């Protein structure tokens, strides 16, 4: 017993002290764990806005700014005062305009359409089976790169990458005899760290486009940006971040974790089942059929999905505007 105590005391005294970065990360983790649920945060902000509206109304706060006159389309200066949401008119406004505030906000409508399609695909098991199939056929040497790339591409399916790819990345690394925490970190880097960009048009592009256009229309209602305005930057950013995340995983994260000495399963439980394989084949057939239908509506001269004035396919054309749908 005395020998065990002496060994324990020696281990405690020889343990390296935490660096400043480690202490900083510990602090971030502590604060993050104490943060309330997003719904609670939303409610707190809602109450804060109501209270601040009454305070600024009581102080007589006014704001002078420039707007576009919808009749003359000229820039005019106007002054607005803060109205309290705790007055009779304010309470009536909150309760009668709640739905209208959301329905008139462009990005919300796009989110609803996107979530219908993504939710259907996710609940049907399409996203899970597709991710599992790609992981299953990936070569061992290129696995980290493909895993990160798959995480980047998973933004097409919104949050499906968080639910499926991250634990699957850990299981796949474990099946290859590599440290599962390194696989988890690589998948998380691809899904979360590079979530805002992609090499394809994804739902977040439509949301950001609507947000930007709403801001532009405050100054010029006739001016808008296209869905592909951020496309080239997103493609380059995706490629650069894929390289960075993959190199950091293989050169920094995995060496620091060391060799994995746990039990490696003989067979992976993450293989694609026959039913999932059949579903993937039918999904491929549906994709090909959709392309066959959309192609004649887009590529021939005078096609319905071309711009009616310029005949262009890219830019502010019906084809680009209908991509999210």
C-alpha atoms as a PDB file:
ATOM      1  CA  UNK A   1       0.000   0.000   0.000  1.00  0.00           C
ATOM      2  CA  UNK A   2       2.830   2.385   0.864  1.00  0.00           C
ATOM      3  CA  UNK A   3       4.511   1.626  -2.474  1.00  0.00           C
ATOM      4  CA  UNK A   4       1.295   2.480  -4.331  1.00  0.00           C
ATOM      5  CA  UNK A   5       1.010   5.773  -2.472  1.00  0.00           C
ATOM      6  CA  UNK A   6       4.620   6.663  -3.226  1.00  0.00           C
ATOM      7  CA  UNK A   7       4.143   5.841  -6.900  1.00  0.00           C
ATOM      8  CA  UNK A   8       0.989   7.994  -6.991  1.00  0.00           C
ATOM      9  CA  UNK A   9       2.761  10.908  -5.307  1.00  0.00           C
ATOM     10  CA  UNK A  10       5.677  10.658  -7.737  1.00  0.00           C
ATOM     11  CA  UNK A  11       3.252  10.689 -10.697  1.00  0.00           C
ATOM     12  CA  UNK A  12       1.530  13.793  -9.325  1.00  0.00           C
ATOM     13  CA  UNK A  13       4.813  15.638  -8.770  1.00  0.00           C
ATOM     14  CA  UNK A  14       6.203  14.703 -12.183  1.00  0.00           C
ATOM     15  CA  UNK A  15       3.024  15.648 -14.067  1.00  0.00           C
ATOM     16  CA  UNK A  16       3.745  18.544 -16.395  1.00  0.00           C
ATOM     17  CA  UNK A  17       1.969  21.783 -15.459  1.00  0.00           C
ATOM     18  CA  UNK A  18      -0.743  22.983 -17.808  1.00  0.00           C
ATOM     19  CA  UNK A  19       0.247  25.517 -20.413  1.00  0.00           C
ATOM     20  CA  UNK A  20      -1.574  28.804 -20.908  1.00  0.00           C
ATOM     21  CA  UNK A  21      -3.360  27.396 -23.983  1.00  0.00           C
ATOM     22  CA  UNK A  22      -4.548  24.348 -22.039  1.00  0.00           C
ATOM     23  CA  UNK A  23      -5.871  26.570 -19.243  1.00  0.00           C
ATOM     24  CA  UNK A  24      -7.580  28.790 -21.789  1.00  0.00           C
ATOM     25  CA  UNK A  25      -9.271  25.791 -23.419  1.00  0.00           C
ATOM     26  CA  UNK A  26     -10.348  24.530 -19.993  1.00  0.00           C
ATOM     27  CA  UNK A  27     -11.953  27.900 -19.341  1.00  0.00           C
ATOM     28  CA  UNK A  28     -13.734  27.881 -22.702  1.00  0.00           C
ATOM     29  CA  UNK A  29     -15.039  24.379 -21.986  1.00  0.00           C
ATOM     30  CA  UNK A  30     -16.295  25.408 -18.547  1.00  0.00           C
ATOM     31  CA  UNK A  31     -18.121  28.451 -19.905  1.00  0.00           C
ATOM     32  CA  UNK A  32     -19.551  26.468 -22.826  1.00  0.00           C
ATOM     33  CA  UNK A  33     -20.899  23.756 -20.535  1.00  0.00           C
ATOM     34  CA  UNK A  34     -22.706  26.381 -18.456  1.00  0.00           C
ATOM     35  CA  UNK A  35     -24.337  28.084 -21.466  1.00  0.00           C
ATOM     36  CA  UNK A  36     -28.129  27.630 -21.520  1.00  0.00           C
ATOM     37  CA  UNK A  37     -30.104  25.908 -24.258  1.00  0.00           C
ATOM     38  CA  UNK A  38     -30.452  27.929 -27.520  1.00  0.00           C
ATOM     39  CA  UNK A  39     -34.227  28.141 -26.985  1.00  0.00           C
ATOM     40  CA  UNK A  40     -33.601  29.678 -23.559  1.00  0.00           C
ATOM     41  CA  UNK A  41     -31.092  32.121 -25.071  1.00  0.00           C
ATOM     42  CA  UNK A  42     -33.689  33.113 -27.690  1.00  0.00           C
ATOM     43  CA  UNK A  43     -36.270  33.741 -24.956  1.00  0.00           C
ATOM     44  CA  UNK A  44     -33.773  35.821 -22.941  1.00  0.00           C
ATOM     45  CA  UNK A  45     -32.984  37.961 -25.986  1.00  0.00           C
ATOM     46  CA  UNK A  46     -36.716  38.341 -26.658  1.00  0.00           C
ATOM     47  CA  UNK A  47     -37.332  39.672 -23.153  1.00  0.00           C
ATOM     48  CA  UNK A  48     -34.265  41.908 -23.416  1.00  0.00           C
ATOM     49  CA  UNK A  49     -35.547  43.507 -26.651  1.00  0.00           C
ATOM     50  CA  UNK A  50     -38.934  44.195 -25.040  1.00  0.00           C
ATOM     51  CA  UNK A  51     -37.362  45.813 -21.982  1.00  0.00           C
ATOM     52  CA  UNK A  52     -34.908  47.876 -24.026  1.00  0.00           C
ATOM     53  CA  UNK A  53     -37.719  49.117 -26.278  1.00  0.00           C
ATOM     54  CA  UNK A  54     -39.540  50.467 -23.240  1.00  0.00           C
ATOM     55  CA  UNK A  55     -36.344  52.019 -21.825  1.00  0.00           C
ATOM     56  CA  UNK A  56     -35.391  53.798 -25.058  1.00  0.00           C
ATOM     57  CA  UNK A  57     -39.007  54.897 -25.573  1.00  0.00           C
ATOM     58  CA  UNK A  58     -39.001  56.389 -22.054  1.00  0.00           C
ATOM     59  CA  UNK A  59     -35.708  58.200 -22.819  1.00  0.00           C
ATOM     60  CA  UNK A  60     -37.137  59.586 -26.097  1.00  0.00           C
ATOM     61  CA  UNK A  61     -34.454  57.978 -28.279  1.00  0.00           C
ATOM     62  CA  UNK A  62     -34.538  58.760 -31.994  1.00  0.00           C
ATOM     63  CA  UNK A  63     -32.431  57.592 -34.941  1.00  0.00           C
ATOM     64  CA  UNK A  64     -31.819  59.457 -38.205  1.00  0.00           C
ATOM     65  CA  UNK A  65     -30.894  57.390 -41.259  1.00  0.00           C
ATOM     66  CA  UNK A  66     -31.180  57.267 -45.053  1.00  0.00           C
ATOM     67  CA  UNK A  67     -33.782  55.232 -46.940  1.00  0.00           C
ATOM     68  CA  UNK A  68     -34.909  54.739 -50.529  1.00  0.00           C
ATOM     69  CA  UNK A  69     -38.265  56.337 -51.322  1.00  0.00           C
ATOM     70  CA  UNK A  70     -40.260  53.540 -53.044  1.00  0.00           C
ATOM     71  CA  UNK A  71     -42.116  56.088 -55.216  1.00  0.00           C
ATOM     72  CA  UNK A  72     -39.209  58.291 -56.346  1.00  0.00           C
ATOM     73  CA  UNK A  73     -36.380  55.743 -55.818  1.00  0.00           C
ATOM     74  CA  UNK A  74     -34.262  58.545 -54.330  1.00  0.00           C
ATOM     75  CA  UNK A  75     -32.272  58.550 -51.110  1.00  0.00           C
ATOM     76  CA  UNK A  76     -34.048  60.491 -48.388  1.00  0.00           C
ATOM     77  CA  UNK A  77     -33.218  61.207 -44.768  1.00  0.00           C
ATOM     78  CA  UNK A  78     -35.763  60.152 -42.163  1.00  0.00           C
ATOM     79  CA  UNK A  79     -35.988  60.052 -38.388  1.00  0.00           C
ATOM     80  CA  UNK A  80     -37.520  57.201 -36.407  1.00  0.00           C
ATOM     81  CA  UNK A  81     -38.352  57.062 -32.725  1.00  0.00           C
ATOM     82  CA  UNK A  82     -38.386  53.960 -30.533  1.00  0.00           C
ATOM     83  CA  UNK A  83     -41.849  52.589 -29.720  1.00  0.00           C
ATOM     84  CA  UNK A  84     -42.314  50.619 -26.526  1.00  0.00           C
ATOM     85  CA  UNK A  85     -43.514  47.048 -26.793  1.00  0.00           C
ATOM     86  CA  UNK A  86     -45.033  47.251 -23.304  1.00  0.00           C
ATOM     87  CA  UNK A  87     -47.698  49.778 -24.243  1.00  0.00           C
ATOM     88  CA  UNK A  88     -51.172  48.799 -25.445  1.00  0.00           C
ATOM     89  CA  UNK A  89     -50.193  49.346 -29.089  1.00  0.00           C
ATOM     90  CA  UNK A  90     -46.902  47.527 -28.560  1.00  0.00           C
ATOM     91  CA  UNK A  91     -48.525  44.432 -27.085  1.00  0.00           C
ATOM     92  CA  UNK A  92     -51.138  44.437 -29.834  1.00  0.00           C
ATOM     93  CA  UNK A  93     -48.332  44.708 -32.442  1.00  0.00           C
ATOM     94  CA  UNK A  94     -46.370  41.768 -30.986  1.00  0.00           C
ATOM     95  CA  UNK A  95     -49.349  39.427 -30.899  1.00  0.00           C
ATOM     96  CA  UNK A  96     -50.777  40.320 -34.309  1.00  0.00           C
ATOM     97  CA  UNK A  97     -47.582  40.585 -36.382  1.00  0.00           C
ATOM     98  CA  UNK A  98     -45.623  37.588 -35.112  1.00  0.00           C
ATOM     99  CA  UNK A  99     -46.449  35.288 -38.041  1.00  0.00           C
ATOM    100  CA  UNK A 100     -46.118  38.113 -40.558  1.00  0.00           C
ATOM    101  CA  UNK A 101     -42.624  38.994 -39.297  1.00  0.00           C
ATOM    102  CA  UNK A 102     -41.440  35.463 -40.003  1.00  0.00           C
ATOM    103  CA  UNK A 103     -43.339  34.919 -43.259  1.00  0.00           C
ATOM    104  CA  UNK A 104     -42.073  38.197 -44.761  1.00  0.00           C
ATOM    105  CA  UNK A 105     -38.454  37.322 -43.934  1.00  0.00           C
ATOM    106  CA  UNK A 106     -37.026  35.641 -47.056  1.00  0.00           C
ATOM    107  CA  UNK A 107     -34.522  33.240 -45.433  1.00  0.00           C
ATOM    108  CA  UNK A 108     -37.210  31.690 -43.230  1.00  0.00           C
ATOM    109  CA  UNK A 109     -39.225  30.572 -46.260  1.00  0.00           C
ATOM    110  CA  UNK A 110     -36.104  29.008 -47.806  1.00  0.00           C
ATOM    111  CA  UNK A 111     -35.281  27.228 -44.543  1.00  0.00           C
ATOM    112  CA  UNK A 112     -38.777  25.711 -44.453  1.00  0.00           C
ATOM    113  CA  UNK A 113     -38.467  24.401 -48.034  1.00  0.00           C
ATOM    114  CA  UNK A 114     -34.944  23.069 -47.439  1.00  0.00           C
ATOM    115  CA  UNK A 115     -35.822  21.345 -44.172  1.00  0.00           C
ATOM    116  CA  UNK A 116     -38.758  19.542 -45.802  1.00  0.00           C
ATOM    117  CA  UNK A 117     -36.416  17.909 -48.343  1.00  0.00           C
ATOM    118  CA  UNK A 118     -33.504  17.357 -45.966  1.00  0.00           C
ATOM    119  CA  UNK A 119     -35.776  16.023 -43.226  1.00  0.00           C
ATOM    120  CA  UNK A 120     -37.396  13.566 -45.618  1.00  0.00           C
ATOM    121  CA  UNK A 121     -34.021  12.329 -46.886  1.00  0.00           C
ATOM    122  CA  UNK A 122     -32.636  12.005 -43.370  1.00  0.00           C
ATOM    123  CA  UNK A 123     -35.659  10.223 -41.905  1.00  0.00           C
ATOM    124  CA  UNK A 124     -35.758   7.855 -44.871  1.00  0.00           C
ATOM    125  CA  UNK A 125     -32.139   6.893 -44.123  1.00  0.00           C
ATOM    126  CA  UNK A 126     -30.727   8.186 -47.405  1.00  0.00           C
ATOM    127  CA  UNK A 127     -28.096  10.452 -45.853  1.00  0.00           C
ATOM    128  CA  UNK A 128     -26.963   7.837 -43.345  1.00  0.00           C
ATOM    129  CA  UNK A 129     -26.637   5.116 -45.975  1.00  0.00           C
ATOM    130  CA  UNK A 130     -24.828   7.413 -48.416  1.00  0.00           C
ATOM    131  CA  UNK A 131     -22.255   8.522 -45.842  1.00  0.00           C
ATOM    132  CA  UNK A 132     -21.691   4.940 -44.668  1.00  0.00           C
ATOM    133  CA  UNK A 133     -21.216   3.723 -48.258  1.00  0.00           C
ATOM    134  CA  UNK A 134     -18.640   6.387 -49.064  1.00  0.00           C
ATOM    135  CA  UNK A 135     -16.713   5.639 -45.876  1.00  0.00           C
ATOM    136  CA  UNK A 136     -16.840   1.920 -46.629  1.00  0.00           C
ATOM    137  CA  UNK A 137     -15.305   2.162 -50.137  1.00  0.00           C
ATOM    138  CA  UNK A 138     -12.645   4.776 -49.281  1.00  0.00           C
ATOM    139  CA  UNK A 139      -8.965   3.644 -49.633  1.00  0.00           C
ATOM    140  CA  UNK A 140      -7.034   3.485 -46.356  1.00  0.00           C
ATOM    141  CA  UNK A 141      -4.289   5.975 -47.320  1.00  0.00           C
ATOM    142  CA  UNK A 142      -6.775   8.577 -48.501  1.00  0.00           C
ATOM    143  CA  UNK A 143      -9.258   8.005 -45.700  1.00  0.00           C
ATOM    144  CA  UNK A 144      -8.514  11.181 -43.711  1.00  0.00           C
ATOM    145  CA  UNK A 145      -8.784  13.345 -46.807  1.00  0.00           C
ATOM    146  CA  UNK A 146     -12.023  11.695 -47.935  1.00  0.00           C
ATOM    147  CA  UNK A 147     -13.482  11.902 -44.433  1.00  0.00           C
ATOM    148  CA  UNK A 148     -12.828  15.648 -44.197  1.00  0.00           C
ATOM    149  CA  UNK A 149     -14.109  16.164 -47.752  1.00  0.00           C
ATOM    150  CA  UNK A 150     -17.243  14.217 -46.892  1.00  0.00           C
ATOM    151  CA  UNK A 151     -17.706  16.459 -43.849  1.00  0.00           C
ATOM    152  CA  UNK A 152     -17.505  19.525 -46.086  1.00  0.00           C
ATOM    153  CA  UNK A 153     -19.999  18.039 -48.534  1.00  0.00           C
ATOM    154  CA  UNK A 154     -22.364  17.053 -45.720  1.00  0.00           C
ATOM    155  CA  UNK A 155     -23.597  20.652 -45.474  1.00  0.00           C
ATOM    156  CA  UNK A 156     -25.858  19.677 -48.391  1.00  0.00           C
ATOM    157  CA  UNK A 157     -27.793  17.640 -45.835  1.00  0.00           C
ATOM    158  CA  UNK A 158     -27.803  20.371 -43.196  1.00  0.00           C
ATOM    159  CA  UNK A 159     -27.271  18.759 -39.745  1.00  0.00           C
ATOM    160  CA  UNK A 160     -27.090  15.160 -40.958  1.00  0.00           C
ATOM    161  CA  UNK A 161     -23.290  15.331 -40.935  1.00  0.00           C
ATOM    162  CA  UNK A 162     -23.256  16.084 -37.220  1.00  0.00           C
ATOM    163  CA  UNK A 163     -25.573  13.183 -36.439  1.00  0.00           C
ATOM    164  CA  UNK A 164     -24.042  10.559 -38.724  1.00  0.00           C
ATOM    165  CA  UNK A 165     -20.556  11.396 -39.961  1.00  0.00           C
ATOM    166  CA  UNK A 166     -18.839  12.366 -36.689  1.00  0.00           C
ATOM    167  CA  UNK A 167     -19.500   9.096 -34.804  1.00  0.00           C
ATOM    168  CA  UNK A 168     -19.027   7.176 -38.053  1.00  0.00           C
ATOM    169  CA  UNK A 169     -15.611   8.797 -38.517  1.00  0.00           C
ATOM    170  CA  UNK A 170     -14.524   7.550 -35.092  1.00  0.00           C
ATOM    171  CA  UNK A 171     -15.838   4.039 -35.821  1.00  0.00           C
ATOM    172  CA  UNK A 172     -14.134   3.981 -39.226  1.00  0.00           C
ATOM    173  CA  UNK A 173     -10.759   5.022 -37.768  1.00  0.00           C
ATOM    174  CA  UNK A 174     -11.158   2.334 -35.108  1.00  0.00           C
ATOM    175  CA  UNK A 175     -11.849  -0.320 -37.759  1.00  0.00           C
ATOM    176  CA  UNK A 176      -8.588   0.703 -39.475  1.00  0.00           C
ATOM    177  CA  UNK A 177      -6.610   0.379 -36.222  1.00  0.00           C
ATOM    178  CA  UNK A 178      -6.196   4.147 -35.911  1.00  0.00           C
ATOM    179  CA  UNK A 179      -7.134   6.252 -32.919  1.00  0.00           C
ATOM    180  CA  UNK A 180     -10.922   6.818 -32.941  1.00  0.00           C
ATOM    181  CA  UNK A 181     -10.570  10.278 -31.371  1.00  0.00           C
ATOM    182  CA  UNK A 182      -8.526  11.357 -34.393  1.00  0.00           C
ATOM    183  CA  UNK A 183     -11.327  10.203 -36.702  1.00  0.00           C
ATOM    184  CA  UNK A 184     -13.890  12.021 -34.585  1.00  0.00           C
ATOM    185  CA  UNK A 185     -11.799  15.205 -34.693  1.00  0.00           C
ATOM    186  CA  UNK A 186     -11.285  14.967 -38.474  1.00  0.00           C
ATOM    187  CA  UNK A 187     -14.996  14.462 -39.144  1.00  0.00           C
ATOM    188  CA  UNK A 188     -15.921  17.289 -36.790  1.00  0.00           C
ATOM    189  CA  UNK A 189     -13.417  19.607 -38.479  1.00  0.00           C
ATOM    190  CA  UNK A 190     -14.955  18.894 -41.863  1.00  0.00           C
ATOM    191  CA  UNK A 191     -18.559  19.162 -40.710  1.00  0.00           C
ATOM    192  CA  UNK A 192     -18.309  22.124 -38.349  1.00  0.00           C
ATOM    193  CA  UNK A 193     -15.128  23.964 -39.304  1.00  0.00           C
ATOM    194  CA  UNK A 194     -15.902  24.111 -43.030  1.00  0.00           C
ATOM    195  CA  UNK A 195     -19.709  24.112 -42.799  1.00  0.00           C
ATOM    196  CA  UNK A 196     -20.139  27.544 -44.400  1.00  0.00           C
ATOM    197  CA  UNK A 197     -18.540  26.648 -47.754  1.00  0.00           C
ATOM    198  CA  UNK A 198     -18.915  23.860 -50.275  1.00  0.00           C
ATOM    199  CA  UNK A 199     -18.056  22.966 -53.865  1.00  0.00           C
ATOM    200  CA  UNK A 200     -21.780  22.813 -54.662  1.00  0.00           C
ATOM    201  CA  UNK A 201     -24.764  25.097 -54.177  1.00  0.00           C
ATOM    202  CA  UNK A 202     -26.125  24.180 -50.735  1.00  0.00           C
ATOM    203  CA  UNK A 203     -29.055  25.387 -48.592  1.00  0.00           C
ATOM    204  CA  UNK A 204     -26.923  27.868 -46.654  1.00  0.00           C
ATOM    205  CA  UNK A 205     -26.138  29.675 -49.932  1.00  0.00           C
ATOM    206  CA  UNK A 206     -29.818  30.364 -50.441  1.00  0.00           C
ATOM    207  CA  UNK A 207     -30.202  31.598 -46.876  1.00  0.00           C
ATOM    208  CA  UNK A 208     -27.169  33.907 -47.070  1.00  0.00           C
ATOM    209  CA  UNK A 209     -28.302  35.205 -50.460  1.00  0.00           C
ATOM    210  CA  UNK A 210     -31.716  36.151 -49.082  1.00  0.00           C
ATOM    211  CA  UNK A 211     -30.145  37.825 -46.048  1.00  0.00           C
ATOM    212  CA  UNK A 212     -27.859  39.847 -48.302  1.00  0.00           C
ATOM    213  CA  UNK A 213     -30.653  40.796 -50.694  1.00  0.00           C
ATOM    214  CA  UNK A 214     -32.845  41.966 -47.820  1.00  0.00           C
ATOM    215  CA  UNK A 215     -30.013  44.271 -46.750  1.00  0.00           C
ATOM    216  CA  UNK A 216     -29.404  45.488 -50.324  1.00  0.00           C
ATOM    217  CA  UNK A 217     -33.099  46.266 -50.817  1.00  0.00           C
ATOM    218  CA  UNK A 218     -32.944  48.762 -47.960  1.00  0.00           C
ATOM    219  CA  UNK A 219     -30.875  50.972 -50.269  1.00  0.00           C
ATOM    220  CA  UNK A 220     -31.815  49.761 -53.736  1.00  0.00           C
ATOM    221  CA  UNK A 221     -34.935  47.594 -54.157  1.00  0.00           C
ATOM    222  CA  UNK A 222     -34.048  46.912 -57.802  1.00  0.00           C
ATOM    223  CA  UNK A 223     -30.611  45.431 -57.041  1.00  0.00           C
ATOM    224  CA  UNK A 224     -30.050  41.790 -56.017  1.00  0.00           C
ATOM    225  CA  UNK A 225     -27.224  39.275 -55.991  1.00  0.00           C
ATOM    226  CA  UNK A 226     -27.446  35.812 -57.520  1.00  0.00           C
ATOM    227  CA  UNK A 227     -27.351  32.510 -55.692  1.00  0.00           C
ATOM    228  CA  UNK A 228     -23.875  31.891 -57.131  1.00  0.00           C
ATOM    229  CA  UNK A 229     -22.370  35.208 -55.957  1.00  0.00           C
ATOM    230  CA  UNK A 230     -20.256  33.396 -53.356  1.00  0.00           C
ATOM    231  CA  UNK A 231     -19.664  30.231 -55.385  1.00  0.00           C
ATOM    232  CA  UNK A 232     -16.045  30.650 -56.548  1.00  0.00           C
ATOM    233  CA  UNK A 233     -14.892  31.850 -53.132  1.00  0.00           C
ATOM    234  CA  UNK A 234     -16.651  28.878 -51.534  1.00  0.00           C
ATOM    235  CA  UNK A 235     -14.980  26.380 -53.884  1.00  0.00           C
ATOM    236  CA  UNK A 236     -11.477  27.727 -53.246  1.00  0.00           C
ATOM    237  CA  UNK A 237     -12.122  27.973 -49.499  1.00  0.00           C
ATOM    238  CA  UNK A 238     -13.374  24.372 -49.432  1.00  0.00           C
ATOM    239  CA  UNK A 239     -10.238  23.041 -51.134  1.00  0.00           C
ATOM    240  CA  UNK A 240      -7.885  25.044 -48.909  1.00  0.00           C
ATOM    241  CA  UNK A 241      -9.663  24.059 -45.692  1.00  0.00           C
ATOM    242  CA  UNK A 242      -9.817  20.391 -46.703  1.00  0.00           C
ATOM    243  CA  UNK A 243      -6.023  20.409 -47.070  1.00  0.00           C
ATOM    244  CA  UNK A 244      -5.542  22.250 -43.768  1.00  0.00           C
ATOM    245  CA  UNK A 245      -7.894  20.011 -41.757  1.00  0.00           C
ATOM    246  CA  UNK A 246      -6.421  16.822 -43.234  1.00  0.00           C
ATOM    247  CA  UNK A 247      -2.809  17.842 -42.611  1.00  0.00           C
ATOM    248  CA  UNK A 248      -3.559  18.980 -39.054  1.00  0.00           C
ATOM    249  CA  UNK A 249      -5.275  15.653 -38.362  1.00  0.00           C
ATOM    250  CA  UNK A 250      -2.437  13.508 -39.721  1.00  0.00           C
ATOM    251  CA  UNK A 251       0.544  15.652 -38.658  1.00  0.00           C
ATOM    252  CA  UNK A 252      -0.651  17.135 -35.346  1.00  0.00           C
ATOM    253  CA  UNK A 253      -3.756  15.542 -33.817  1.00  0.00           C
ATOM    254  CA  UNK A 254      -3.090  11.859 -34.453  1.00  0.00           C
ATOM    255  CA  UNK A 255       0.613  11.922 -33.414  1.00  0.00           C
ATOM    256  CA  UNK A 256      -0.300  13.701 -30.152  1.00  0.00           C
ATOM    257  CA  UNK A 257      -2.907  11.052 -29.366  1.00  0.00           C
ATOM    258  CA  UNK A 258      -0.328   8.327 -29.885  1.00  0.00           C
ATOM    259  CA  UNK A 259      -0.903   4.733 -30.903  1.00  0.00           C
ATOM    260  CA  UNK A 260      -4.324   3.365 -30.090  1.00  0.00           C
ATOM    261  CA  UNK A 261      -3.996   0.372 -27.755  1.00  0.00           C
ATOM    262  CA  UNK A 262      -7.646  -0.470 -27.304  1.00  0.00           C
ATOM    263  CA  UNK A 263      -9.558  -3.329 -28.835  1.00  0.00           C
ATOM    264  CA  UNK A 264     -10.076  -3.165 -32.591  1.00  0.00           C
ATOM    265  CA  UNK A 265     -13.319  -4.812 -33.758  1.00  0.00           C
ATOM    266  CA  UNK A 266     -12.939  -7.609 -36.280  1.00  0.00           C
ATOM    267  CA  UNK A 267     -16.009  -6.523 -38.219  1.00  0.00           C
ATOM    268  CA  UNK A 268     -17.510  -3.097 -38.550  1.00  0.00           C
ATOM    269  CA  UNK A 269     -21.149  -2.601 -37.545  1.00  0.00           C
ATOM    270  CA  UNK A 270     -21.318   0.371 -39.849  1.00  0.00           C
ATOM    271  CA  UNK A 271     -21.575  -1.571 -43.111  1.00  0.00           C
ATOM    272  CA  UNK A 272     -24.361  -0.732 -45.531  1.00  0.00           C
ATOM    273  CA  UNK A 273     -27.211  -3.229 -45.217  1.00  0.00           C
ATOM    274  CA  UNK A 274     -28.824  -4.805 -48.317  1.00  0.00           C
ATOM    275  CA  UNK A 275     -31.921  -2.639 -47.798  1.00  0.00           C
ATOM    276  CA  UNK A 276     -29.799   0.516 -47.615  1.00  0.00           C
ATOM    277  CA  UNK A 277     -27.902  -0.525 -50.756  1.00  0.00           C
ATOM    278  CA  UNK A 278     -31.174  -1.034 -52.625  1.00  0.00           C
ATOM    279  CA  UNK A 279     -32.373   2.366 -51.414  1.00  0.00           C
ATOM    280  CA  UNK A 280     -29.178   4.011 -52.666  1.00  0.00           C
ATOM    281  CA  UNK A 281     -29.681   2.446 -56.098  1.00  0.00           C
ATOM    282  CA  UNK A 282     -33.239   3.736 -56.299  1.00  0.00           C
ATOM    283  CA  UNK A 283     -32.030   7.185 -55.162  1.00  0.00           C
ATOM    284  CA  UNK A 284     -29.478   7.133 -57.994  1.00  0.00           C
ATOM    285  CA  UNK A 285     -32.188   6.193 -60.483  1.00  0.00           C
ATOM    286  CA  UNK A 286     -34.323   9.084 -59.203  1.00  0.00           C
ATOM    287  CA  UNK A 287     -31.391  11.486 -59.561  1.00  0.00           C
ATOM    288  CA  UNK A 288     -30.772  10.415 -63.159  1.00  0.00           C
ATOM    289  CA  UNK A 289     -34.487  10.748 -63.950  1.00  0.00           C
ATOM    290  CA  UNK A 290     -34.538  14.258 -62.456  1.00  0.00           C
ATOM    291  CA  UNK A 291     -31.558  15.287 -64.585  1.00  0.00           C
ATOM    292  CA  UNK A 292     -33.265  13.883 -67.695  1.00  0.00           C
ATOM    293  CA  UNK A 293     -36.350  15.990 -66.938  1.00  0.00           C
ATOM    294  CA  UNK A 294     -34.503  19.208 -65.993  1.00  0.00           C
ATOM    295  CA  UNK A 295     -31.937  19.155 -68.830  1.00  0.00           C
ATOM    296  CA  UNK A 296     -34.384  19.900 -71.698  1.00  0.00           C
ATOM    297  CA  UNK A 297     -35.980  22.599 -69.555  1.00  0.00           C
ATOM    298  CA  UNK A 298     -32.594  24.327 -69.118  1.00  0.00           C
ATOM    299  CA  UNK A 299     -30.074  23.810 -71.928  1.00  0.00           C
ATOM    300  CA  UNK A 300     -31.927  24.352 -75.243  1.00  0.00           C
ATOM    301  CA  UNK A 301     -32.268  27.923 -76.519  1.00  0.00           C
ATOM    302  CA  UNK A 302     -35.454  29.515 -75.223  1.00  0.00           C
ATOM    303  CA  UNK A 303     -35.853  26.881 -72.481  1.00  0.00           C
ATOM    304  CA  UNK A 304     -38.178  27.876 -69.596  1.00  0.00           C
ATOM    305  CA  UNK A 305     -35.401  27.850 -66.993  1.00  0.00           C
ATOM    306  CA  UNK A 306     -33.158  30.264 -68.920  1.00  0.00           C
ATOM    307  CA  UNK A 307     -33.225  34.003 -68.276  1.00  0.00           C
ATOM    308  CA  UNK A 308     -36.094  35.317 -70.455  1.00  0.00           C
ATOM    309  CA  UNK A 309     -34.153  38.475 -71.424  1.00  0.00           C
ATOM    310  CA  UNK A 310     -30.546  37.300 -71.808  1.00  0.00           C
ATOM    311  CA  UNK A 311     -31.032  33.544 -72.227  1.00  0.00           C
ATOM    312  CA  UNK A 312     -28.350  32.904 -69.573  1.00  0.00           C
ATOM    313  CA  UNK A 313     -28.399  29.845 -67.317  1.00  0.00           C
ATOM    314  CA  UNK A 314     -26.149  31.222 -64.569  1.00  0.00           C
ATOM    315  CA  UNK A 315     -26.856  34.402 -62.614  1.00  0.00           C
ATOM    316  CA  UNK A 316     -30.391  35.669 -61.951  1.00  0.00           C
ATOM    317  CA  UNK A 317     -32.079  32.950 -63.998  1.00  0.00           C
ATOM    318  CA  UNK A 318     -35.087  30.771 -63.141  1.00  0.00           C
ATOM    319  CA  UNK A 319     -32.727  27.785 -63.056  1.00  0.00           C
ATOM    320  CA  UNK A 320     -30.574  29.283 -60.292  1.00  0.00           C
ATOM    321  CA  UNK A 321     -33.572  30.649 -58.391  1.00  0.00           C
ATOM    322  CA  UNK A 322     -35.176  27.194 -58.332  1.00  0.00           C
ATOM    323  CA  UNK A 323     -32.112  25.215 -57.214  1.00  0.00           C
ATOM    324  CA  UNK A 324     -33.106  25.180 -53.546  1.00  0.00           C
ATOM    325  CA  UNK A 325     -36.594  23.930 -54.430  1.00  0.00           C
END
